[in-house]
Amino acid sequence: QLQASGGGLVQAGESLRLSCVASGRTYGMAWFRQAPGKEREFVTAISWSAGNTVYADSVKGRFAISRDNAKNTVYLQMNSLRAEDTAIYYCAGHNAIRTMSTMTATYVYWGQGTQVTVSS
């Protein structure tokens, strides 16, 4: 259902852009991440119209989520990367209309994850 790509190894302060392609229309989309030994945590979410977005405090001002509904694709632009951003990044989706959620339980579609490693 969801296919994420764009991860890699970068140095602190550099940028990466992740992409997530959905096989069909998905209303709410989000990115989560999971670092080794830690629970999966919310990063950012976007509504169908892209009129509403929400960010975790740890990435606010550095990351930007966007979507292209014609391509069924959501993007995560990550700037000013830090070592603590190192994690596997997962895209997620749901079809609950007019729902913005930071909770993993809301999302029924998950990508396979893409590794982001930031060296300090």
N, C-alpha and C. Protein backbone atom coordinates (compact mmCIF):
# COMPACT_ATOMS: atom_id res chain seq x y z
N GLN A 1 0.81 -1.21 0.00
CA GLN A 1 0.00 0.00 0.00
C GLN A 1 0.85 1.27 0.00
N LEU A 2 1.88 1.31 0.86
CA LEU A 2 2.76 2.47 0.94
C LEU A 2 4.20 2.05 0.71
N GLN A 3 4.91 2.85 -0.07
CA GLN A 3 6.31 2.56 -0.37
C GLN A 3 7.13 3.81 -0.10
N ALA A 4 8.01 3.72 0.92
CA ALA A 4 8.84 4.85 1.30
C ALA A 4 10.23 4.73 0.68
N SER A 5 10.83 5.89 0.41
CA SER A 5 12.19 5.90 -0.14
C SER A 5 12.85 7.23 0.21
N GLY A 6 14.16 7.31 -0.05
CA GLY A 6 14.86 8.57 0.13
C GLY A 6 15.81 8.64 1.31
N GLY A 7 15.83 7.61 2.12
CA GLY A 7 16.73 7.63 3.27
C GLY A 7 18.18 7.52 2.84
N GLY A 8 19.07 7.72 3.81
CA GLY A 8 20.48 7.61 3.52
C GLY A 8 21.33 8.08 4.68
N LEU A 9 22.62 8.21 4.40
CA LEU A 9 23.59 8.65 5.40
C LEU A 9 24.02 10.08 5.07
N VAL A 10 23.84 10.99 6.01
CA VAL A 10 24.25 12.37 5.82
C VAL A 10 24.97 12.87 7.06
N GLN A 11 25.61 14.01 6.92
CA GLN A 11 26.27 14.63 8.07
C GLN A 11 25.31 15.62 8.73
N ALA A 12 25.57 15.88 9.98
CA ALA A 12 24.74 16.83 10.72
C ALA A 12 24.71 18.17 9.99
N GLY A 13 23.53 18.75 9.93
CA GLY A 13 23.34 20.02 9.25
C GLY A 13 22.88 19.89 7.81
N GLU A 14 22.98 18.69 7.26
CA GLU A 14 22.58 18.49 5.87
C GLU A 14 21.09 18.18 5.78
N SER A 15 20.62 17.96 4.55
CA SER A 15 19.19 17.75 4.29
C SER A 15 18.94 16.44 3.56
N LEU A 16 17.73 15.95 3.72
CA LEU A 16 17.25 14.78 2.98
C LEU A 16 15.77 14.99 2.68
N ARG A 17 15.30 14.39 1.61
CA ARG A 17 13.87 14.39 1.32
C ARG A 17 13.38 12.96 1.16
N LEU A 18 12.43 12.60 1.97
CA LEU A 18 11.82 11.28 1.88
C LEU A 18 10.54 11.37 1.05
N SER A 19 10.24 10.27 0.37
CA SER A 19 9.01 10.18 -0.41
C SER A 19 8.25 8.93 -0.01
N CYS A 20 6.95 8.99 -0.14
CA CYS A 20 6.11 7.83 0.16
C CYS A 20 4.99 7.80 -0.87
N VAL A 21 4.97 6.74 -1.64
CA VAL A 21 3.95 6.58 -2.68
C VAL A 21 2.90 5.60 -2.21
N ALA A 22 1.64 6.01 -2.33
CA ALA A 22 0.53 5.13 -1.96
C ALA A 22 -0.07 4.51 -3.22
N SER A 23 -0.54 3.28 -3.07
CA SER A 23 -1.11 2.60 -4.23
C SER A 23 -2.51 3.09 -4.53
N GLY A 24 -3.12 3.81 -3.60
CA GLY A 24 -4.45 4.37 -3.80
C GLY A 24 -4.60 5.64 -3.00
N ARG A 25 -5.80 6.22 -3.07
CA ARG A 25 -6.03 7.46 -2.33
C ARG A 25 -6.05 7.18 -0.83
N THR A 26 -5.32 8.00 -0.10
CA THR A 26 -5.24 7.88 1.35
C THR A 26 -5.43 9.26 1.94
N TYR A 27 -6.45 9.43 2.79
CA TYR A 27 -6.79 10.76 3.28
C TYR A 27 -5.72 11.34 4.18
N GLY A 28 -5.52 10.78 5.31
CA GLY A 28 -4.53 11.32 6.24
C GLY A 28 -3.21 10.59 6.08
N MET A 29 -2.14 11.36 6.03
CA MET A 29 -0.82 10.77 5.88
C MET A 29 0.09 11.30 6.98
N ALA A 30 1.07 10.51 7.34
CA ALA A 30 1.98 10.92 8.41
C ALA A 30 3.31 10.23 8.26
N TRP A 31 4.28 10.76 8.98
CA TRP A 31 5.58 10.12 9.13
C TRP A 31 5.82 9.85 10.61
N PHE A 32 6.29 8.66 10.89
CA PHE A 32 6.74 8.28 12.22
C PHE A 32 8.20 7.85 12.09
N ARG A 33 8.87 7.73 13.22
CA ARG A 33 10.24 7.22 13.20
C ARG A 33 10.50 6.38 14.43
N GLN A 34 11.47 5.48 14.28
CA GLN A 34 11.83 4.61 15.39
C GLN A 34 13.34 4.46 15.43
N ALA A 35 13.91 4.91 16.53
CA ALA A 35 15.35 4.78 16.75
C ALA A 35 15.62 3.46 17.48
N PRO A 36 16.84 2.95 17.38
CA PRO A 36 17.17 1.67 18.06
C PRO A 36 16.87 1.73 19.55
N GLY A 37 16.15 0.74 20.04
CA GLY A 37 15.85 0.67 21.46
C GLY A 37 14.76 1.60 21.93
N LYS A 38 14.12 2.31 21.02
CA LYS A 38 13.08 3.26 21.40
C LYS A 38 11.76 2.91 20.73
N GLU A 39 10.69 3.46 21.27
CA GLU A 39 9.38 3.24 20.67
C GLU A 39 9.22 4.12 19.43
N ARG A 40 8.31 3.68 18.57
CA ARG A 40 7.99 4.47 17.39
C ARG A 40 7.34 5.78 17.83
N GLU A 41 7.80 6.89 17.26
CA GLU A 41 7.27 8.17 17.65
C GLU A 41 6.77 8.97 16.45
N PHE A 42 5.79 9.80 16.73
CA PHE A 42 5.19 10.66 15.71
C PHE A 42 6.17 11.74 15.29
N VAL A 43 6.19 12.02 13.97
CA VAL A 43 7.02 13.10 13.45
C VAL A 43 6.14 14.24 12.91
N THR A 44 5.25 13.89 11.96
CA THR A 44 4.41 14.91 11.34
C THR A 44 3.25 14.27 10.61
N ALA A 45 2.19 15.03 10.42
CA ALA A 45 1.02 14.53 9.70
C ALA A 45 0.44 15.65 8.83
N ILE A 46 -0.31 15.23 7.80
CA ILE A 46 -0.90 16.18 6.87
C ILE A 46 -2.28 15.71 6.47
N SER A 47 -3.19 16.65 6.30
CA SER A 47 -4.54 16.30 5.89
C SER A 47 -4.61 16.11 4.38
N TRP A 48 -5.75 15.63 3.91
CA TRP A 48 -5.93 15.37 2.48
C TRP A 48 -5.72 16.63 1.65
N SER A 49 -6.26 17.72 2.10
CA SER A 49 -6.15 18.97 1.35
C SER A 49 -4.81 19.67 1.53
N ALA A 50 -4.00 19.13 2.45
CA ALA A 50 -2.72 19.75 2.81
C ALA A 50 -2.91 21.07 3.53
N GLY A 51 -4.16 21.37 3.89
CA GLY A 51 -4.41 22.62 4.60
C GLY A 51 -4.05 22.54 6.06
N ASN A 52 -3.96 21.34 6.58
CA ASN A 52 -3.62 21.14 7.99
C ASN A 52 -2.40 20.26 8.11
N THR A 53 -1.45 20.71 8.93
CA THR A 53 -0.27 19.93 9.23
C THR A 53 0.00 20.03 10.73
N VAL A 54 0.67 19.03 11.25
CA VAL A 54 1.07 19.05 12.66
C VAL A 54 2.46 18.42 12.75
N TYR A 55 3.28 18.96 13.66
CA TYR A 55 4.66 18.51 13.80
C TYR A 55 4.98 18.21 15.27
N ALA A 56 5.85 17.24 15.46
CA ALA A 56 6.42 17.04 16.79
C ALA A 56 7.32 18.23 17.12
N ASP A 57 7.39 18.59 18.37
CA ASP A 57 8.20 19.74 18.77
C ASP A 57 9.67 19.57 18.36
N SER A 58 10.13 18.35 18.36
CA SER A 58 11.54 18.08 18.08
C SER A 58 11.94 18.38 16.64
N VAL A 59 10.96 18.45 15.74
CA VAL A 59 11.29 18.69 14.32
C VAL A 59 10.70 19.99 13.80
N LYS A 60 9.92 20.66 14.61
CA LYS A 60 9.25 21.88 14.17
C LYS A 60 10.28 22.92 13.73
N GLY A 61 10.06 23.49 12.56
CA GLY A 61 10.98 24.49 12.02
C GLY A 61 12.10 23.90 11.19
N ARG A 62 12.28 22.59 11.25
CA ARG A 62 13.34 21.94 10.48
C ARG A 62 12.78 21.00 9.41
N PHE A 63 11.67 20.36 9.70
CA PHE A 63 11.06 19.40 8.78
C PHE A 63 9.80 20.01 8.17
N ALA A 64 9.47 19.58 6.96
CA ALA A 64 8.25 20.05 6.30
C ALA A 64 7.61 18.89 5.55
N ILE A 65 6.33 18.67 5.82
CA ILE A 65 5.58 17.63 5.13
C ILE A 65 4.75 18.28 4.03
N SER A 66 4.63 17.57 2.92
CA SER A 66 3.80 18.05 1.82
C SER A 66 3.25 16.84 1.08
N ARG A 67 2.30 17.08 0.18
CA ARG A 67 1.74 15.96 -0.57
C ARG A 67 1.32 16.42 -1.96
N ASP A 68 1.35 15.45 -2.87
CA ASP A 68 0.87 15.65 -4.23
C ASP A 68 -0.19 14.58 -4.47
N ASN A 69 -1.44 14.95 -4.36
CA ASN A 69 -2.52 13.97 -4.45
C ASN A 69 -2.65 13.37 -5.85
N ALA A 70 -2.24 14.11 -6.86
CA ALA A 70 -2.28 13.57 -8.22
C ALA A 70 -1.33 12.40 -8.38
N LYS A 71 -0.28 12.39 -7.56
CA LYS A 71 0.72 11.32 -7.61
C LYS A 71 0.58 10.36 -6.43
N ASN A 72 -0.42 10.58 -5.57
CA ASN A 72 -0.60 9.76 -4.37
C ASN A 72 0.70 9.68 -3.57
N THR A 73 1.38 10.81 -3.44
CA THR A 73 2.70 10.84 -2.83
C THR A 73 2.76 11.89 -1.72
N VAL A 74 3.41 11.53 -0.62
CA VAL A 74 3.68 12.47 0.45
C VAL A 74 5.19 12.58 0.61
N TYR A 75 5.63 13.77 0.94
CA TYR A 75 7.06 14.04 1.06
C TYR A 75 7.39 14.52 2.48
N LEU A 76 8.62 14.27 2.87
CA LEU A 76 9.14 14.82 4.11
C LEU A 76 10.50 15.45 3.81
N GLN A 77 10.52 16.78 3.81
CA GLN A 77 11.76 17.52 3.63
C GLN A 77 12.39 17.71 5.01
N MET A 78 13.58 17.21 5.18
CA MET A 78 14.27 17.29 6.47
C MET A 78 15.52 18.14 6.33
N ASN A 79 15.54 19.26 7.00
CA ASN A 79 16.68 20.18 6.96
C ASN A 79 17.36 20.24 8.32
N SER A 80 18.57 20.74 8.33
CA SER A 80 19.33 20.90 9.58
C SER A 80 19.30 19.62 10.41
N LEU A 81 19.60 18.52 9.76
CA LEU A 81 19.51 17.22 10.43
C LEU A 81 20.51 17.12 11.58
N ARG A 82 20.08 16.40 12.61
CA ARG A 82 20.89 16.20 13.81
C ARG A 82 21.11 14.71 14.03
N ALA A 83 22.10 14.37 14.82
CA ALA A 83 22.38 12.97 15.11
C ALA A 83 21.15 12.29 15.73
N GLU A 84 20.41 13.02 16.53
CA GLU A 84 19.23 12.45 17.20
C GLU A 84 18.06 12.21 16.25
N ASP A 85 18.19 12.64 14.99
CA ASP A 85 17.17 12.32 13.98
C ASP A 85 17.40 10.94 13.37
N THR A 86 18.50 10.31 13.71
CA THR A 86 18.79 8.98 13.19
C THR A 86 17.72 7.99 13.61
N ALA A 87 17.11 7.33 12.64
CA ALA A 87 16.03 6.40 12.90
C ALA A 87 15.57 5.77 11.59
N ILE A 88 14.72 4.77 11.72
CA ILE A 88 13.98 4.29 10.56
C ILE A 88 12.71 5.13 10.47
N TYR A 89 12.46 5.69 9.32
CA TYR A 89 11.30 6.54 9.11
C TYR A 89 10.22 5.76 8.36
N TYR A 90 9.02 5.80 8.91
CA TYR A 90 7.89 5.09 8.33
C TYR A 90 6.81 6.08 7.90
N CYS A 91 6.29 5.88 6.70
CA CYS A 91 5.11 6.64 6.34
C CYS A 91 3.88 5.82 6.70
N ALA A 92 2.81 6.51 6.97
CA ALA A 92 1.59 5.86 7.42
C ALA A 92 0.38 6.59 6.87
N GLY A 93 -0.73 5.89 6.74
CA GLY A 93 -1.92 6.51 6.19
C GLY A 93 -3.20 5.95 6.79
N HIS A 94 -4.25 6.72 6.68
CA HIS A 94 -5.58 6.28 7.12
C HIS A 94 -6.62 6.94 6.24
N ASN A 95 -7.85 6.43 6.32
CA ASN A 95 -8.94 6.97 5.51
C ASN A 95 -10.08 7.50 6.36
N ALA A 96 -9.76 7.95 7.56
CA ALA A 96 -10.76 8.58 8.41
C ALA A 96 -10.85 10.05 8.02
N ILE A 97 -11.96 10.42 7.42
CA ILE A 97 -12.10 11.77 6.89
C ILE A 97 -12.08 12.80 8.02
N ARG A 98 -11.43 13.92 7.77
CA ARG A 98 -11.35 15.04 8.71
C ARG A 98 -10.73 14.63 10.04
N THR A 99 -9.76 13.72 9.98
CA THR A 99 -9.07 13.28 11.19
C THR A 99 -7.59 13.55 11.08
N MET A 100 -7.06 14.31 12.03
CA MET A 100 -5.62 14.52 12.15
C MET A 100 -5.19 13.79 13.41
N SER A 101 -4.20 12.96 13.30
CA SER A 101 -3.82 12.15 14.47
C SER A 101 -2.32 12.02 14.59
N THR A 102 -1.86 12.01 15.83
CA THR A 102 -0.45 11.75 16.13
C THR A 102 -0.26 10.34 16.68
N MET A 103 -1.34 9.57 16.71
CA MET A 103 -1.32 8.25 17.34
C MET A 103 -1.12 7.15 16.31
N THR A 104 -0.23 6.21 16.60
CA THR A 104 0.01 5.11 15.67
C THR A 104 -1.24 4.28 15.43
N ALA A 105 -2.09 4.17 16.43
CA ALA A 105 -3.27 3.32 16.32
C ALA A 105 -4.26 3.81 15.27
N THR A 106 -4.20 5.09 14.91
CA THR A 106 -5.11 5.65 13.92
C THR A 106 -4.78 5.18 12.52
N TYR A 107 -3.52 4.87 12.29
CA TYR A 107 -3.03 4.60 10.95
C TYR A 107 -3.10 3.11 10.63
N VAL A 108 -3.74 2.80 9.52
CA VAL A 108 -3.95 1.40 9.14
C VAL A 108 -3.02 0.95 8.02
N TYR A 109 -2.41 1.90 7.35
CA TYR A 109 -1.49 1.57 6.26
C TYR A 109 -0.09 2.03 6.68
N TRP A 110 0.89 1.15 6.47
CA TRP A 110 2.26 1.47 6.86
C TRP A 110 3.22 1.09 5.74
N GLY A 111 4.20 1.96 5.51
CA GLY A 111 5.28 1.63 4.59
C GLY A 111 6.31 0.75 5.28
N GLN A 112 7.28 0.33 4.50
CA GLN A 112 8.27 -0.62 5.01
C GLN A 112 9.38 0.06 5.80
N GLY A 113 9.47 1.37 5.75
CA GLY A 113 10.51 2.09 6.49
C GLY A 113 11.72 2.36 5.63
N THR A 114 12.35 3.50 5.89
CA THR A 114 13.59 3.87 5.21
C THR A 114 14.54 4.43 6.25
N GLN A 115 15.78 3.98 6.21
CA GLN A 115 16.78 4.33 7.22
C GLN A 115 17.36 5.72 6.96
N VAL A 116 17.36 6.53 7.99
CA VAL A 116 18.04 7.82 7.96
C VAL A 116 19.11 7.81 9.04
N THR A 117 20.35 8.04 8.63
CA THR A 117 21.46 8.06 9.57
C THR A 117 22.18 9.40 9.45
N VAL A 118 22.30 10.08 10.57
CA VAL A 118 22.95 11.40 10.60
C VAL A 118 24.21 11.28 11.45
N SER A 119 25.34 11.53 10.85
CA SER A 119 26.60 11.46 11.58
C SER A 119 26.96 12.84 12.11
N SER A 120 27.50 12.85 13.31
CA SER A 120 27.82 14.13 13.94
C SER A 120 29.29 14.46 13.78
